[in-house]
Amino acid sequence: MALTLDFTVTGQEQIHCASCEQRISNALRRLRGVEDVHASAQTQRVQVTIDPTQVSAEQVRAKLGHLGYEVTGQRDWGWRLEVGG
């Protein structure tokens, strides 16, 4: 069963352009279990569809952190999941 995670960039480092969007997408797709990624400079959101049996929300958040992005997240069924420090 796929799960969609919805992260919002909240820190100083922002998604500025299409190259930033592509960098995020490429990095997250390298994680086993990531099925789809959509990063938006316009909304400062990153939506990631994962197989939760292979990768966790925390692993995705950690990868975003490694790229320099501080984020909070919300799962697709509506309750907030705080994944930022």
Foldseek 3Di string as FASTA:
>chain_A
DKWKKKKAFDDPDAQADPVSQVVLFVQLVVQPFWDGWGADRVRRMIITIGDCVRDPPLRSQVSCVVVPTFIWIDIPVGDGDGNGD
